[in-house]
Amino acid sequence: MLQLRPNCECCNRDLPPETLEARICSFECTFCAECTDNHLQGICPNCSGELVRRPVRPAAKLLNNPASTERVFKSQGCACE
């Protein structure tokens, strides 16, 4: 099950579970759409995987399967490799 991490690793922007602005790779590294499009060109800086829109978990399912509260933030921002 996807963790649904709560923030962008580059800019630390909040990404709530219902947002359409979250992007993930196959390792669940999480970024906002702005960082993905403007800085990362759709490629994860951690694993070189493709970044795609994160699916939205239905609100009713969040009750028993909550989103992660663990924040991952790279202090070097979108320049991380």
PDB file of N, CA and C in Angstrom:
ATOM      1  N   MET A   1       0.836  -1.168   0.000  1.00  0.00           N
ATOM      2  CA  MET A   1       0.000   0.000   0.000  1.00  0.00           C
ATOM      3  C   MET A   1       0.893   1.248   0.000  1.00  0.00           C
ATOM      4  N   LEU A   2       0.545   2.229  -0.784  1.00  0.00           N
ATOM      5  CA  LEU A   2       1.316   3.465  -0.855  1.00  0.00           C
ATOM      6  C   LEU A   2       1.306   4.199   0.480  1.00  0.00           C
ATOM      7  N   GLN A   3       2.445   4.787   0.818  1.00  0.00           N
ATOM      8  CA  GLN A   3       2.545   5.533   2.070  1.00  0.00           C
ATOM      9  C   GLN A   3       1.794   6.859   2.044  1.00  0.00           C
ATOM     10  N   LEU A   4       1.668   7.470   0.895  1.00  0.00           N
ATOM     11  CA  LEU A   4       1.085   8.812   0.777  1.00  0.00           C
ATOM     12  C   LEU A   4       1.832   9.777   1.692  1.00  0.00           C
ATOM     13  N   ARG A   5       3.095   9.976   1.393  1.00  0.00           N
ATOM     14  CA  ARG A   5       3.926  10.874   2.194  1.00  0.00           C
ATOM     15  C   ARG A   5       3.367  12.303   2.149  1.00  0.00           C
ATOM     16  N   PRO A   6       3.542  13.050   3.237  1.00  0.00           N
ATOM     17  CA  PRO A   6       2.834  14.324   3.395  1.00  0.00           C
ATOM     18  C   PRO A   6       3.494  15.563   2.804  1.00  0.00           C
ATOM     19  N   ASN A   7       4.660  15.410   2.146  1.00  0.00           N
ATOM     20  CA  ASN A   7       5.335  16.627   1.666  1.00  0.00           C
ATOM     21  C   ASN A   7       6.235  16.338   0.473  1.00  0.00           C
ATOM     22  N   CYS A   8       6.624  17.416  -0.201  1.00  0.00           N
ATOM     23  CA  CYS A   8       7.572  17.354  -1.316  1.00  0.00           C
ATOM     24  C   CYS A   8       8.987  17.278  -0.744  1.00  0.00           C
ATOM     25  N   GLU A   9       9.775  16.338  -1.236  1.00  0.00           N
ATOM     26  CA  GLU A   9      11.155  16.197  -0.769  1.00  0.00           C
ATOM     27  C   GLU A   9      12.029  17.383  -1.147  1.00  0.00           C
ATOM     28  N   CYS A  10      11.661  18.110  -2.203  1.00  0.00           N
ATOM     29  CA  CYS A  10      12.477  19.248  -2.656  1.00  0.00           C
ATOM     30  C   CYS A  10      12.172  20.546  -1.923  1.00  0.00           C
ATOM     31  N   CYS A  11      10.912  20.933  -1.904  1.00  0.00           N
ATOM     32  CA  CYS A  11      10.550  22.252  -1.369  1.00  0.00           C
ATOM     33  C   CYS A  11       9.800  22.178  -0.036  1.00  0.00           C
ATOM     34  N   ASN A  12       9.492  20.972   0.412  1.00  0.00           N
ATOM     35  CA  ASN A  12       8.802  20.729   1.683  1.00  0.00           C
ATOM     36  C   ASN A  12       7.343  21.184   1.673  1.00  0.00           C
ATOM     37  N   ARG A  13       6.782  21.437   0.501  1.00  0.00           N
ATOM     38  CA  ARG A  13       5.371  21.817   0.375  1.00  0.00           C
ATOM     39  C   ARG A  13       4.490  20.685   0.892  1.00  0.00           C
ATOM     40  N   ASP A  14       3.438  21.018   1.615  1.00  0.00           N
ATOM     41  CA  ASP A  14       2.488  20.024   2.097  1.00  0.00           C
ATOM     42  C   ASP A  14       1.739  19.400   0.917  1.00  0.00           C
ATOM     43  N   LEU A  15       1.586  18.076   0.968  1.00  0.00           N
ATOM     44  CA  LEU A  15       0.861  17.337  -0.068  1.00  0.00           C
ATOM     45  C   LEU A  15      -0.150  16.410   0.620  1.00  0.00           C
ATOM     46  N   PRO A  16      -1.322  16.949   0.949  1.00  0.00           N
ATOM     47  CA  PRO A  16      -2.331  16.136   1.638  1.00  0.00           C
ATOM     48  C   PRO A  16      -2.778  14.960   0.763  1.00  0.00           C
ATOM     49  N   PRO A  17      -3.352  13.944   1.371  1.00  0.00           N
ATOM     50  CA  PRO A  17      -3.731  12.735   0.629  1.00  0.00           C
ATOM     51  C   PRO A  17      -4.662  12.985  -0.556  1.00  0.00           C
ATOM     52  N   GLU A  18      -5.473  14.030  -0.478  1.00  0.00           N
ATOM     53  CA  GLU A  18      -6.455  14.281  -1.539  1.00  0.00           C
ATOM     54  C   GLU A  18      -5.925  15.128  -2.694  1.00  0.00           C
ATOM     55  N   THR A  19      -4.690  15.603  -2.615  1.00  0.00           N
ATOM     56  CA  THR A  19      -4.178  16.485  -3.655  1.00  0.00           C
ATOM     57  C   THR A  19      -3.921  15.756  -4.970  1.00  0.00           C
ATOM     58  N   LEU A  20      -4.087  16.480  -6.048  1.00  0.00           N
ATOM     59  CA  LEU A  20      -3.734  15.982  -7.379  1.00  0.00           C
ATOM     60  C   LEU A  20      -2.350  16.485  -7.775  1.00  0.00           C
ATOM     61  N   GLU A  21      -1.672  17.189  -6.889  1.00  0.00           N
ATOM     62  CA  GLU A  21      -0.374  17.808  -7.172  1.00  0.00           C
ATOM     63  C   GLU A  21       0.815  16.957  -6.743  1.00  0.00           C
ATOM     64  N   ALA A  22       0.583  15.771  -6.164  1.00  0.00           N
ATOM     65  CA  ALA A  22       1.685  14.923  -5.710  1.00  0.00           C
ATOM     66  C   ALA A  22       2.167  14.019  -6.841  1.00  0.00           C
ATOM     67  N   ARG A  23       3.481  13.838  -6.911  1.00  0.00           N
ATOM     68  CA  ARG A  23       4.103  12.942  -7.890  1.00  0.00           C
ATOM     69  C   ARG A  23       4.978  11.954  -7.133  1.00  0.00           C
ATOM     70  N   ILE A  24       5.009  10.696  -7.591  1.00  0.00           N
ATOM     71  CA  ILE A  24       5.818   9.676  -6.941  1.00  0.00           C
ATOM     72  C   ILE A  24       6.559   8.845  -7.991  1.00  0.00           C
ATOM     73  N   CYS A  25       7.633   8.191  -7.530  1.00  0.00           N
ATOM     74  CA  CYS A  25       8.330   7.206  -8.360  1.00  0.00           C
ATOM     75  C   CYS A  25       7.959   5.824  -7.826  1.00  0.00           C
ATOM     76  N   SER A  26       8.549   4.778  -8.381  1.00  0.00           N
ATOM     77  CA  SER A  26       8.203   3.420  -7.942  1.00  0.00           C
ATOM     78  C   SER A  26       8.696   3.115  -6.528  1.00  0.00           C
ATOM     79  N   PHE A  27       9.604   3.956  -5.985  1.00  0.00           N
ATOM     80  CA  PHE A  27      10.063   3.796  -4.607  1.00  0.00           C
ATOM     81  C   PHE A  27       9.308   4.705  -3.646  1.00  0.00           C
ATOM     82  N   GLU A  28       8.296   5.405  -4.149  1.00  0.00           N
ATOM     83  CA  GLU A  28       7.436   6.300  -3.385  1.00  0.00           C
ATOM     84  C   GLU A  28       8.121   7.593  -2.945  1.00  0.00           C
ATOM     85  N   CYS A  29       9.256   7.925  -3.565  1.00  0.00           N
ATOM     86  CA  CYS A  29       9.814   9.260  -3.349  1.00  0.00           C
ATOM     87  C   CYS A  29       8.712  10.213  -3.798  1.00  0.00           C
ATOM     88  N   THR A  30       8.518  11.301  -3.077  1.00  0.00           N
ATOM     89  CA  THR A  30       7.353  12.153  -3.302  1.00  0.00           C
ATOM     90  C   THR A  30       7.762  13.600  -3.547  1.00  0.00           C
ATOM     91  N   PHE A  31       7.187  14.183  -4.584  1.00  0.00           N
ATOM     92  CA  PHE A  31       7.489  15.556  -4.986  1.00  0.00           C
ATOM     93  C   PHE A  31       6.205  16.247  -5.422  1.00  0.00           C
ATOM     94  N   CYS A  32       6.208  17.568  -5.390  1.00  0.00           N
ATOM     95  CA  CYS A  32       5.053  18.313  -5.882  1.00  0.00           C
ATOM     96  C   CYS A  32       5.161  18.435  -7.410  1.00  0.00           C
ATOM     97  N   ALA A  33       4.055  18.763  -8.043  1.00  0.00           N
ATOM     98  CA  ALA A  33       4.019  18.892  -9.498  1.00  0.00           C
ATOM     99  C   ALA A  33       4.952  19.997  -9.973  1.00  0.00           C
ATOM    100  N   GLU A  34       5.023  21.095  -9.222  1.00  0.00           N
ATOM    101  CA  GLU A  34       5.872  22.216  -9.639  1.00  0.00           C
ATOM    102  C   GLU A  34       7.345  21.817  -9.671  1.00  0.00           C
ATOM    103  N   CYS A  35       7.831  21.174  -8.624  1.00  0.00           N
ATOM    104  CA  CYS A  35       9.229  20.728  -8.613  1.00  0.00           C
ATOM    105  C   CYS A  35       9.473  19.677  -9.692  1.00  0.00           C
ATOM    106  N   THR A  36       8.512  18.753  -9.847  1.00  0.00           N
ATOM    107  CA  THR A  36       8.649  17.705 -10.863  1.00  0.00           C
ATOM    108  C   THR A  36       8.777  18.301 -12.251  1.00  0.00           C
ATOM    109  N   ASP A  37       7.919  19.256 -12.568  1.00  0.00           N
ATOM    110  CA  ASP A  37       7.905  19.844 -13.912  1.00  0.00           C
ATOM    111  C   ASP A  37       9.028  20.843 -14.143  1.00  0.00           C
ATOM    112  N   ASN A  38       9.298  21.702 -13.153  1.00  0.00           N
ATOM    113  CA  ASN A  38      10.228  22.811 -13.361  1.00  0.00           C
ATOM    114  C   ASN A  38      11.677  22.516 -13.007  1.00  0.00           C
ATOM    115  N   HIS A  39      11.921  21.534 -12.163  1.00  0.00           N
ATOM    116  CA  HIS A  39      13.290  21.272 -11.730  1.00  0.00           C
ATOM    117  C   HIS A  39      13.770  19.862 -12.051  1.00  0.00           C
ATOM    118  N   LEU A  40      12.865  18.907 -12.036  1.00  0.00           N
ATOM    119  CA  LEU A  40      13.271  17.504 -12.152  1.00  0.00           C
ATOM    120  C   LEU A  40      12.981  16.881 -13.513  1.00  0.00           C
ATOM    121  N   GLN A  41      12.265  17.598 -14.366  1.00  0.00           N
ATOM    122  CA  GLN A  41      11.909  17.110 -15.701  1.00  0.00           C
ATOM    123  C   GLN A  41      11.301  15.702 -15.667  1.00  0.00           C
ATOM    124  N   GLY A  42      10.511  15.428 -14.613  1.00  0.00           N
ATOM    125  CA  GLY A  42       9.788  14.175 -14.518  1.00  0.00           C
ATOM    126  C   GLY A  42      10.606  12.967 -14.091  1.00  0.00           C
ATOM    127  N   ILE A  43      11.839  13.201 -13.637  1.00  0.00           N
ATOM    128  CA  ILE A  43      12.722  12.106 -13.231  1.00  0.00           C
ATOM    129  C   ILE A  43      13.083  12.252 -11.750  1.00  0.00           C
ATOM    130  N   CYS A  44      12.958  11.177 -10.994  1.00  0.00           N
ATOM    131  CA  CYS A  44      13.289  11.197  -9.568  1.00  0.00           C
ATOM    132  C   CYS A  44      14.797  11.384  -9.385  1.00  0.00           C
ATOM    133  N   PRO A  45      15.198  12.364  -8.586  1.00  0.00           N
ATOM    134  CA  PRO A  45      16.629  12.600  -8.370  1.00  0.00           C
ATOM    135  C   PRO A  45      17.281  11.546  -7.477  1.00  0.00           C
ATOM    136  N   ASN A  46      16.471  10.738  -6.815  1.00  0.00           N
ATOM    137  CA  ASN A  46      17.003   9.712  -5.915  1.00  0.00           C
ATOM    138  C   ASN A  46      17.311   8.404  -6.638  1.00  0.00           C
ATOM    139  N   CYS A  47      16.410   7.987  -7.530  1.00  0.00           N
ATOM    140  CA  CYS A  47      16.559   6.669  -8.174  1.00  0.00           C
ATOM    141  C   CYS A  47      16.547   6.726  -9.697  1.00  0.00           C
ATOM    142  N   SER A  48      16.340   7.906 -10.272  1.00  0.00           N
ATOM    143  CA  SER A  48      16.255   8.108 -11.730  1.00  0.00           C
ATOM    144  C   SER A  48      14.997   7.503 -12.339  1.00  0.00           C
ATOM    145  N   GLY A  49      14.018   7.180 -11.490  1.00  0.00           N
ATOM    146  CA  GLY A  49      12.753   6.638 -11.985  1.00  0.00           C
ATOM    147  C   GLY A  49      11.810   7.724 -12.455  1.00  0.00           C
ATOM    148  N   GLU A  50      10.800   7.322 -13.198  1.00  0.00           N
ATOM    149  CA  GLU A  50       9.781   8.241 -13.697  1.00  0.00           C
ATOM    150  C   GLU A  50       8.890   8.709 -12.553  1.00  0.00           C
ATOM    151  N   LEU A  51       8.576   9.987 -12.546  1.00  0.00           N
ATOM    152  CA  LEU A  51       7.638  10.538 -11.569  1.00  0.00           C
ATOM    153  C   LEU A  51       6.273  10.664 -12.223  1.00  0.00           C
ATOM    154  N   VAL A  52       5.264  10.083 -11.576  1.00  0.00           N
ATOM    155  CA  VAL A  52       3.897  10.092 -12.097  1.00  0.00           C
ATOM    156  C   VAL A  52       2.956  10.603 -11.007  1.00  0.00           C
ATOM    157  N   ARG A  53       1.733  10.989 -11.419  1.00  0.00           N
ATOM    158  CA  ARG A  53       0.768  11.493 -10.444  1.00  0.00           C
ATOM    159  C   ARG A  53       0.441  10.403  -9.428  1.00  0.00           C
ATOM    160  N   ARG A  54       0.487  10.790  -8.167  1.00  0.00           N
ATOM    161  CA  ARG A  54       0.144   9.865  -7.094  1.00  0.00           C
ATOM    162  C   ARG A  54      -1.366   9.677  -7.064  1.00  0.00           C
ATOM    163  N   PRO A  55      -1.853   8.440  -6.985  1.00  0.00           N
ATOM    164  CA  PRO A  55      -3.302   8.245  -6.900  1.00  0.00           C
ATOM    165  C   PRO A  55      -3.860   8.790  -5.590  1.00  0.00           C
ATOM    166  N   VAL A  56      -5.106   9.159  -5.625  1.00  0.00           N
ATOM    167  CA  VAL A  56      -5.795   9.672  -4.444  1.00  0.00           C
ATOM    168  C   VAL A  56      -6.504   8.501  -3.770  1.00  0.00           C
ATOM    169  N   ARG A  57      -6.269   8.334  -2.481  1.00  0.00           N
ATOM    170  CA  ARG A  57      -6.964   7.294  -1.719  1.00  0.00           C
ATOM    171  C   ARG A  57      -8.321   7.857  -1.304  1.00  0.00           C
ATOM    172  N   PRO A  58      -9.402   7.129  -1.550  1.00  0.00           N
ATOM    173  CA  PRO A  58     -10.727   7.623  -1.159  1.00  0.00           C
ATOM    174  C   PRO A  58     -10.776   7.942   0.336  1.00  0.00           C
ATOM    175  N   ALA A  59     -11.438   9.020   0.675  1.00  0.00           N
ATOM    176  CA  ALA A  59     -11.501   9.485   2.062  1.00  0.00           C
ATOM    177  C   ALA A  59     -11.980   8.397   3.017  1.00  0.00           C
ATOM    178  N   ALA A  60     -12.942   7.599   2.612  1.00  0.00           N
ATOM    179  CA  ALA A  60     -13.450   6.535   3.479  1.00  0.00           C
ATOM    180  C   ALA A  60     -12.376   5.492   3.782  1.00  0.00           C
ATOM    181  N   LYS A  61     -11.466   5.276   2.858  1.00  0.00           N
ATOM    182  CA  LYS A  61     -10.388   4.301   3.055  1.00  0.00           C
ATOM    183  C   LYS A  61      -9.265   4.853   3.924  1.00  0.00           C
ATOM    184  N   LEU A  62      -9.154   6.178   4.005  1.00  0.00           N
ATOM    185  CA  LEU A  62      -8.123   6.794   4.854  1.00  0.00           C
ATOM    186  C   LEU A  62      -8.371   6.523   6.337  1.00  0.00           C
ATOM    187  N   LEU A  63      -9.605   6.247   6.713  1.00  0.00           N
ATOM    188  CA  LEU A  63      -9.922   5.976   8.118  1.00  0.00           C
ATOM    189  C   LEU A  63      -9.160   4.761   8.635  1.00  0.00           C
ATOM    190  N   ASN A  64      -9.143   3.688   7.862  1.00  0.00           N
ATOM    191  CA  ASN A  64      -8.457   2.461   8.265  1.00  0.00           C
ATOM    192  C   ASN A  64      -7.054   2.336   7.674  1.00  0.00           C
ATOM    193  N   ASN A  65      -6.753   3.154   6.676  1.00  0.00           N
ATOM    194  CA  ASN A  65      -5.461   3.119   5.995  1.00  0.00           C
ATOM    195  C   ASN A  65      -4.947   4.552   5.853  1.00  0.00           C
ATOM    196  N   PRO A  66      -4.533   5.170   6.959  1.00  0.00           N
ATOM    197  CA  PRO A  66      -4.165   6.587   6.927  1.00  0.00           C
ATOM    198  C   PRO A  66      -2.884   6.858   6.138  1.00  0.00           C
ATOM    199  N   ALA A  67      -2.768   8.083   5.701  1.00  0.00           N
ATOM    200  CA  ALA A  67      -1.553   8.531   5.018  1.00  0.00           C
ATOM    201  C   ALA A  67      -0.404   8.585   6.024  1.00  0.00           C
ATOM    202  N   SER A  68       0.803   8.517   5.511  1.00  0.00           N
ATOM    203  CA  SER A  68       1.989   8.600   6.357  1.00  0.00           C
ATOM    204  C   SER A  68       2.115  10.001   6.954  1.00  0.00           C
ATOM    205  N   THR A  69       2.710  10.086   8.118  1.00  0.00           N
ATOM    206  CA  THR A  69       3.012  11.380   8.732  1.00  0.00           C
ATOM    207  C   THR A  69       4.519  11.653   8.699  1.00  0.00           C
ATOM    208  N   GLU A  70       5.286  10.704   8.172  1.00  0.00           N
ATOM    209  CA  GLU A  70       6.741  10.848   8.097  1.00  0.00           C
ATOM    210  C   GLU A  70       7.126  11.796   6.968  1.00  0.00           C
ATOM    211  N   ARG A  71       7.757  12.892   7.331  1.00  0.00           N
ATOM    212  CA  ARG A  71       8.188  13.876   6.345  1.00  0.00           C
ATOM    213  C   ARG A  71       9.609  13.561   5.900  1.00  0.00           C
ATOM    214  N   VAL A  72       9.829  13.562   4.578  1.00  0.00           N
ATOM    215  CA  VAL A  72      11.152  13.387   4.006  1.00  0.00           C
ATOM    216  C   VAL A  72      11.477  14.689   3.298  1.00  0.00           C
ATOM    217  N   PHE A  73      12.547  15.333   3.712  1.00  0.00           N
ATOM    218  CA  PHE A  73      12.928  16.615   3.108  1.00  0.00           C
ATOM    219  C   PHE A  73      14.431  16.628   2.923  1.00  0.00           C
ATOM    220  N   LYS A  74      14.856  16.887   1.698  1.00  0.00           N
ATOM    221  CA  LYS A  74      16.286  16.982   1.380  1.00  0.00           C
ATOM    222  C   LYS A  74      16.677  18.459   1.516  1.00  0.00           C
ATOM    223  N   SER A  75      17.565  18.749   2.449  1.00  0.00           N
ATOM    224  CA  SER A  75      17.931  20.152   2.679  1.00  0.00           C
ATOM    225  C   SER A  75      18.539  20.807   1.448  1.00  0.00           C
ATOM    226  N   GLN A  76      19.108  20.026   0.536  1.00  0.00           N
ATOM    227  CA  GLN A  76      19.664  20.598  -0.692  1.00  0.00           C
ATOM    228  C   GLN A  76      18.601  20.799  -1.769  1.00  0.00           C
ATOM    229  N   GLY A  77      17.360  20.495  -1.445  1.00  0.00           N
ATOM    230  CA  GLY A  77      16.252  20.738  -2.376  1.00  0.00           C
ATOM    231  C   GLY A  77      16.297  19.862  -3.605  1.00  0.00           C
ATOM    232  N   CYS A  78      15.910  20.403  -4.732  1.00  0.00           N
ATOM    233  CA  CYS A  78      15.800  19.627  -5.971  1.00  0.00           C
ATOM    234  C   CYS A  78      17.147  19.281  -6.591  1.00  0.00           C
ATOM    235  N   ALA A  79      18.221  19.682  -5.989  1.00  0.00           N
ATOM    236  CA  ALA A  79      19.550  19.354  -6.510  1.00  0.00           C
ATOM    237  C   ALA A  79      20.038  18.018  -5.971  1.00  0.00           C
ATOM    238  N   CYS A  80      19.194  17.321  -5.198  1.00  0.00           N
ATOM    239  CA  CYS A  80      19.650  16.075  -4.588  1.00  0.00           C
ATOM    240  C   CYS A  80      19.909  14.997  -5.632  1.00  0.00           C
ATOM    241  N   GLU A  81      20.927  14.190  -5.393  1.00  0.00           N
ATOM    242  CA  GLU A  81      21.272  13.070  -6.282  1.00  0.00           C
ATOM    243  C   GLU A  81      21.785  11.947  -5.479  1.00  0.00           C
TER     244      GLU A  81
END
